[in-house]
Amino acid sequence: MSRLKEQYVEKIVPSLLNEFKYGNQMQVPKLKTIVLSMGLGRAIQDKKLLELAHSELTKIAGQKPLICKARKSVSNFKLREGMDIGLKVTLRKQRMYEFLDRLINLAIPRVRDFRGLSPKGFDGHGNFSMGLNEIVVFPEVDHDKVTQPLGMNITMVTTANTDQEAKQLLKLFGMPYKTDGDTSN
């Protein structure tokens, strides 16, 4: 069992049970999935960019990403229906906890000028989304191979009913949110 899964079972569940006064352990919110996605509009002109992003996202996630195709043709963007324009990976169970551990303890501290995650990333249903401008903050990524900046979106899907419950769950996992006194960005 991964370190964060053990932490969830031993520390986070009792803490949330006490804080939100749930009737039993099954009501305590948990992390369902983590979805990693990359939009690669520049891959229309440069096919090697898609291959590079595919290999790097595979290293980061530990499983192969799904290639997303354009649904509509847009002439202003020189985009045709069916062209490869993105990648996404859905992580569950063991890989999800391992990725979250690497994100919190290795990647986020390596982000330049980091002042905490914005609490505005919640969607009102207990899910949190954030973006990374550079994937080179992950130790798996070879800095020399990445010639263009590649960003990534990360969505954490929880079973929480409210944003407050989800924020407390992720905070107990170690997510570094901005404090209420910090109003910059």
C-alpha atoms as a PDB file:
ATOM      1  CA  MET A   1       0.000   0.000   0.000  1.00  0.00           C
ATOM      2  CA  SER A   2       1.308   3.457  -0.871  1.00  0.00           C
ATOM      3  CA  ARG A   3       2.301   5.966   1.769  1.00  0.00           C
ATOM      4  CA  LEU A   4      -0.601   8.342   1.074  1.00  0.00           C
ATOM      5  CA  LYS A   5      -3.166   5.511   1.111  1.00  0.00           C
ATOM      6  CA  GLU A   6      -1.919   4.471   4.559  1.00  0.00           C
ATOM      7  CA  GLN A   7      -2.052   8.109   5.675  1.00  0.00           C
ATOM      8  CA  TYR A   8      -5.643   8.338   4.408  1.00  0.00           C
ATOM      9  CA  VAL A   9      -6.754   5.236   6.307  1.00  0.00           C
ATOM     10  CA  GLU A  10      -4.873   5.933   9.551  1.00  0.00           C
ATOM     11  CA  LYS A  11      -5.021   9.726   9.934  1.00  0.00           C
ATOM     12  CA  ILE A  12      -7.255  11.475   7.408  1.00  0.00           C
ATOM     13  CA  VAL A  13     -10.419   9.362   7.864  1.00  0.00           C
ATOM     14  CA  PRO A  14     -10.501   9.801  11.675  1.00  0.00           C
ATOM     15  CA  SER A  15      -9.743  13.506  11.338  1.00  0.00           C
ATOM     16  CA  LEU A  16     -12.552  14.092   8.814  1.00  0.00           C
ATOM     17  CA  LEU A  17     -14.955  11.915  10.840  1.00  0.00           C
ATOM     18  CA  ASN A  18     -14.326  14.143  13.840  1.00  0.00           C
ATOM     19  CA  GLU A  19     -14.367  17.461  11.970  1.00  0.00           C
ATOM     20  CA  PHE A  20     -17.497  17.004   9.825  1.00  0.00           C
ATOM     21  CA  LYS A  21     -19.391  14.666  12.234  1.00  0.00           C
ATOM     22  CA  TYR A  22     -20.105  11.921   9.716  1.00  0.00           C
ATOM     23  CA  GLY A  23     -22.278   9.001  10.835  1.00  0.00           C
ATOM     24  CA  ASN A  24     -19.802   6.334   9.685  1.00  0.00           C
ATOM     25  CA  GLN A  25     -16.531   5.868   7.788  1.00  0.00           C
ATOM     26  CA  MET A  26     -18.266   5.275   4.456  1.00  0.00           C
ATOM     27  CA  GLN A  27     -19.466   8.903   4.397  1.00  0.00           C
ATOM     28  CA  VAL A  28     -15.930  10.266   4.588  1.00  0.00           C
ATOM     29  CA  PRO A  29     -14.904  11.734   1.206  1.00  0.00           C
ATOM     30  CA  LYS A  30     -12.140  10.011  -0.684  1.00  0.00           C
ATOM     31  CA  LEU A  31     -10.093  10.600  -3.793  1.00  0.00           C
ATOM     32  CA  LYS A  32     -11.667   8.750  -6.766  1.00  0.00           C
ATOM     33  CA  THR A  33      -9.448   9.628  -9.726  1.00  0.00           C
ATOM     34  CA  ILE A  34      -6.828  12.063 -10.933  1.00  0.00           C
ATOM     35  CA  VAL A  35      -7.056  13.131 -14.573  1.00  0.00           C
ATOM     36  CA  LEU A  36      -3.977  14.532 -16.322  1.00  0.00           C
ATOM     37  CA  SER A  37      -4.543  16.310 -19.633  1.00  0.00           C
ATOM     38  CA  MET A  38      -2.493  18.261 -22.143  1.00  0.00           C
ATOM     39  CA  GLY A  39      -3.836  20.426 -24.938  1.00  0.00           C
ATOM     40  CA  LEU A  40      -1.439  20.409 -27.857  1.00  0.00           C
ATOM     41  CA  GLY A  41      -2.755  22.842 -30.441  1.00  0.00           C
ATOM     42  CA  ARG A  42       0.797  23.395 -31.693  1.00  0.00           C
ATOM     43  CA  ALA A  43       0.923  19.705 -32.645  1.00  0.00           C
ATOM     44  CA  ILE A  44      -1.018  20.571 -35.808  1.00  0.00           C
ATOM     45  CA  GLN A  45       2.160  22.030 -37.348  1.00  0.00           C
ATOM     46  CA  ASP A  46       4.696  19.893 -35.450  1.00  0.00           C
ATOM     47  CA  LYS A  47       3.844  16.170 -35.235  1.00  0.00           C
ATOM     48  CA  LYS A  48       6.993  15.453 -33.202  1.00  0.00           C
ATOM     49  CA  LEU A  49       5.593  17.611 -30.392  1.00  0.00           C
ATOM     50  CA  LEU A  50       2.730  15.141 -29.924  1.00  0.00           C
ATOM     51  CA  GLU A  51       5.171  12.210 -29.804  1.00  0.00           C
ATOM     52  CA  LEU A  52       7.363  14.030 -27.266  1.00  0.00           C
ATOM     53  CA  ALA A  53       4.389  14.961 -25.079  1.00  0.00           C
ATOM     54  CA  HIS A  54       3.073  11.374 -25.309  1.00  0.00           C
ATOM     55  CA  SER A  55       6.367   9.894 -24.106  1.00  0.00           C
ATOM     56  CA  GLU A  56       6.789  12.459 -21.303  1.00  0.00           C
ATOM     57  CA  LEU A  57       3.192  12.076 -20.049  1.00  0.00           C
ATOM     58  CA  THR A  58       3.681   8.291 -20.084  1.00  0.00           C
ATOM     59  CA  LYS A  59       6.739   8.696 -17.828  1.00  0.00           C
ATOM     60  CA  ILE A  60       4.905  11.062 -15.458  1.00  0.00           C
ATOM     61  CA  ALA A  61       1.695   9.024 -15.176  1.00  0.00           C
ATOM     62  CA  GLY A  62       3.127   5.515 -15.341  1.00  0.00           C
ATOM     63  CA  GLN A  63       0.599   4.490 -18.007  1.00  0.00           C
ATOM     64  CA  LYS A  64      -0.067   5.339 -21.646  1.00  0.00           C
ATOM     65  CA  PRO A  65      -2.190   8.429 -22.350  1.00  0.00           C
ATOM     66  CA  LEU A  66      -5.218   8.489 -24.608  1.00  0.00           C
ATOM     67  CA  ILE A  67      -4.829  10.656 -27.714  1.00  0.00           C
ATOM     68  CA  CYS A  68      -7.722  13.128 -28.017  1.00  0.00           C
ATOM     69  CA  LYS A  69      -8.911  14.130 -31.462  1.00  0.00           C
ATOM     70  CA  ALA A  70     -10.581  17.324 -32.676  1.00  0.00           C
ATOM     71  CA  ARG A  71     -14.374  17.081 -32.763  1.00  0.00           C
ATOM     72  CA  LYS A  72     -14.918  19.902 -35.232  1.00  0.00           C
ATOM     73  CA  SER A  73     -13.028  21.538 -38.056  1.00  0.00           C
ATOM     74  CA  VAL A  74     -11.998  25.159 -37.437  1.00  0.00           C
ATOM     75  CA  SER A  75     -10.537  26.848 -40.499  1.00  0.00           C
ATOM     76  CA  ASN A  76      -9.057  29.806 -38.572  1.00  0.00           C
ATOM     77  CA  PHE A  77      -6.851  27.387 -36.597  1.00  0.00           C
ATOM     78  CA  LYS A  78      -6.132  25.133 -39.619  1.00  0.00           C
ATOM     79  CA  LEU A  79      -7.789  22.354 -37.649  1.00  0.00           C
ATOM     80  CA  ARG A  80      -9.602  19.432 -39.257  1.00  0.00           C
ATOM     81  CA  GLU A  81     -11.996  17.043 -37.579  1.00  0.00           C
ATOM     82  CA  GLY A  82     -10.138  13.961 -36.338  1.00  0.00           C
ATOM     83  CA  MET A  83      -6.687  15.596 -35.961  1.00  0.00           C
ATOM     84  CA  ASP A  84      -4.696  14.706 -32.828  1.00  0.00           C
ATOM     85  CA  ILE A  85      -4.761  17.752 -30.522  1.00  0.00           C
ATOM     86  CA  GLY A  86      -4.438  16.486 -26.960  1.00  0.00           C
ATOM     87  CA  LEU A  87      -3.590  13.760 -24.466  1.00  0.00           C
ATOM     88  CA  LYS A  88      -5.263  12.588 -21.279  1.00  0.00           C
ATOM     89  CA  VAL A  89      -4.679   9.965 -18.602  1.00  0.00           C
ATOM     90  CA  THR A  90      -7.024   8.862 -15.827  1.00  0.00           C
ATOM     91  CA  LEU A  91      -5.212   7.528 -12.759  1.00  0.00           C
ATOM     92  CA  ARG A  92      -6.936   5.338 -10.196  1.00  0.00           C
ATOM     93  CA  LYS A  93      -6.002   3.413  -7.042  1.00  0.00           C
ATOM     94  CA  GLN A  94      -2.264   2.753  -6.537  1.00  0.00           C
ATOM     95  CA  ARG A  95      -0.999   4.910  -9.440  1.00  0.00           C
ATOM     96  CA  MET A  96      -3.244   7.779  -8.348  1.00  0.00           C
ATOM     97  CA  TYR A  97      -1.776   7.839  -4.826  1.00  0.00           C
ATOM     98  CA  GLU A  98       1.794   7.496  -6.137  1.00  0.00           C
ATOM     99  CA  PHE A  99       1.261  10.388  -8.555  1.00  0.00           C
ATOM    100  CA  LEU A 100      -0.296  12.571  -5.844  1.00  0.00           C
ATOM    101  CA  ASP A 101       2.677  11.847  -3.569  1.00  0.00           C
ATOM    102  CA  ARG A 102       5.150  12.875  -6.306  1.00  0.00           C
ATOM    103  CA  LEU A 103       3.079  15.958  -7.156  1.00  0.00           C
ATOM    104  CA  ILE A 104       2.914  17.221  -3.568  1.00  0.00           C
ATOM    105  CA  ASN A 105       6.431  16.328  -2.431  1.00  0.00           C
ATOM    106  CA  LEU A 106       8.554  16.669  -5.591  1.00  0.00           C
ATOM    107  CA  ALA A 107       6.880  18.646  -8.379  1.00  0.00           C
ATOM    108  CA  ILE A 108       5.065  21.495  -6.615  1.00  0.00           C
ATOM    109  CA  PRO A 109       8.109  22.520  -4.513  1.00  0.00           C
ATOM    110  CA  ARG A 110      10.114  22.802  -7.770  1.00  0.00           C
ATOM    111  CA  VAL A 111       7.697  25.340  -9.316  1.00  0.00           C
ATOM    112  CA  ARG A 112       9.364  28.715  -9.615  1.00  0.00           C
ATOM    113  CA  ASP A 113       7.856  31.553  -7.499  1.00  0.00           C
ATOM    114  CA  PHE A 114       5.300  29.217  -5.937  1.00  0.00           C
ATOM    115  CA  ARG A 115       3.123  30.830  -3.269  1.00  0.00           C
ATOM    116  CA  GLY A 116       0.462  28.186  -2.830  1.00  0.00           C
ATOM    117  CA  LEU A 117      -2.392  26.761  -4.870  1.00  0.00           C
ATOM    118  CA  SER A 118      -5.421  28.931  -5.482  1.00  0.00           C
ATOM    119  CA  PRO A 119      -8.523  27.733  -3.623  1.00  0.00           C
ATOM    120  CA  LYS A 120     -10.563  28.965  -6.622  1.00  0.00           C
ATOM    121  CA  GLY A 121      -9.812  25.696  -8.441  1.00  0.00           C
ATOM    122  CA  PHE A 122     -12.827  23.944  -6.901  1.00  0.00           C
ATOM    123  CA  ASP A 123     -15.889  23.383  -9.098  1.00  0.00           C
ATOM    124  CA  GLY A 124     -18.658  23.438  -6.482  1.00  0.00           C
ATOM    125  CA  HIS A 125     -19.023  19.638  -6.443  1.00  0.00           C
ATOM    126  CA  GLY A 126     -15.867  18.718  -4.528  1.00  0.00           C
ATOM    127  CA  ASN A 127     -13.432  18.432  -7.451  1.00  0.00           C
ATOM    128  CA  PHE A 128     -10.204  20.429  -7.706  1.00  0.00           C
ATOM    129  CA  SER A 129      -8.394  21.468 -10.897  1.00  0.00           C
ATOM    130  CA  MET A 130      -4.987  23.053 -11.255  1.00  0.00           C
ATOM    131  CA  GLY A 131      -2.543  23.700 -14.048  1.00  0.00           C
ATOM    132  CA  LEU A 132       1.202  23.456 -14.422  1.00  0.00           C
ATOM    133  CA  ASN A 133       2.921  25.691 -16.972  1.00  0.00           C
ATOM    134  CA  GLU A 134       5.949  23.409 -17.213  1.00  0.00           C
ATOM    135  CA  ILE A 135       6.070  19.631 -16.924  1.00  0.00           C
ATOM    136  CA  VAL A 136       9.827  19.765 -16.321  1.00  0.00           C
ATOM    137  CA  VAL A 137       9.095  20.133 -12.579  1.00  0.00           C
ATOM    138  CA  PHE A 138       8.588  16.350 -12.502  1.00  0.00           C
ATOM    139  CA  PRO A 139      11.849  14.464 -11.937  1.00  0.00           C
ATOM    140  CA  GLU A 140      10.942  11.877 -14.610  1.00  0.00           C
ATOM    141  CA  VAL A 141      11.104  14.474 -17.398  1.00  0.00           C
ATOM    142  CA  ASP A 142      14.434  14.941 -19.178  1.00  0.00           C
ATOM    143  CA  HIS A 143      15.054  18.707 -19.416  1.00  0.00           C
ATOM    144  CA  ASP A 144      17.181  18.311 -22.559  1.00  0.00           C
ATOM    145  CA  LYS A 145      14.435  16.565 -24.573  1.00  0.00           C
ATOM    146  CA  VAL A 146      11.749  19.161 -23.872  1.00  0.00           C
ATOM    147  CA  THR A 147      12.518  21.983 -26.304  1.00  0.00           C
ATOM    148  CA  GLN A 148       9.160  23.792 -26.064  1.00  0.00           C
ATOM    149  CA  PRO A 149       7.249  24.539 -22.867  1.00  0.00           C
ATOM    150  CA  LEU A 150       4.605  21.881 -22.253  1.00  0.00           C
ATOM    151  CA  GLY A 151       1.855  22.516 -19.728  1.00  0.00           C
ATOM    152  CA  MET A 152      -0.527  20.128 -18.059  1.00  0.00           C
ATOM    153  CA  ASN A 153      -3.921  20.270 -16.360  1.00  0.00           C
ATOM    154  CA  ILE A 154      -4.546  18.146 -13.267  1.00  0.00           C
ATOM    155  CA  THR A 155      -8.057  17.410 -11.987  1.00  0.00           C
ATOM    156  CA  MET A 156      -8.619  15.620  -8.689  1.00  0.00           C
ATOM    157  CA  VAL A 157     -12.048  13.990  -8.517  1.00  0.00           C
ATOM    158  CA  THR A 158     -13.330  13.314  -4.999  1.00  0.00           C
ATOM    159  CA  THR A 159     -16.506  11.879  -3.501  1.00  0.00           C
ATOM    160  CA  ALA A 160     -16.949  15.007  -1.360  1.00  0.00           C
ATOM    161  CA  ASN A 161     -20.311  16.769  -1.503  1.00  0.00           C
ATOM    162  CA  THR A 162     -18.953  20.264  -0.918  1.00  0.00           C
ATOM    163  CA  ASP A 163     -15.817  22.179  -1.778  1.00  0.00           C
ATOM    164  CA  GLN A 164     -15.078  22.689   1.917  1.00  0.00           C
ATOM    165  CA  GLU A 165     -14.937  18.917   2.515  1.00  0.00           C
ATOM    166  CA  ALA A 166     -12.788  18.366  -0.580  1.00  0.00           C
ATOM    167  CA  LYS A 167     -10.410  21.184   0.359  1.00  0.00           C
ATOM    168  CA  GLN A 168      -9.943  19.754   3.843  1.00  0.00           C
ATOM    169  CA  LEU A 169      -9.360  16.260   2.395  1.00  0.00           C
ATOM    170  CA  LEU A 170      -6.690  17.508  -0.016  1.00  0.00           C
ATOM    171  CA  LYS A 171      -5.151  19.755   2.652  1.00  0.00           C
ATOM    172  CA  LEU A 172      -4.753  16.717   4.925  1.00  0.00           C
ATOM    173  CA  PHE A 173      -3.012  14.922   2.043  1.00  0.00           C
ATOM    174  CA  GLY A 174      -0.560  17.845   2.020  1.00  0.00           C
ATOM    175  CA  MET A 175      -1.775  20.114  -0.805  1.00  0.00           C
ATOM    176  CA  PRO A 176      -0.228  23.567  -0.201  1.00  0.00           C
ATOM    177  CA  TYR A 177      -3.100  26.060  -0.562  1.00  0.00           C
ATOM    178  CA  LYS A 178      -2.707  29.802  -0.220  1.00  0.00           C
ATOM    179  CA  THR A 179      -3.607  31.116   3.204  1.00  0.00           C
ATOM    180  CA  ASP A 180      -6.611  33.410   3.554  1.00  0.00           C
ATOM    181  CA  GLY A 181      -4.347  36.390   4.237  1.00  0.00           C
ATOM    182  CA  ASP A 182      -2.471  35.923   0.933  1.00  0.00           C
ATOM    183  CA  THR A 183      -4.512  37.771  -1.715  1.00  0.00           C
ATOM    184  CA  SER A 184      -1.971  37.841  -4.540  1.00  0.00           C
ATOM    185  CA  ASN A 185      -3.200  35.879  -7.585  1.00  0.00           C
END
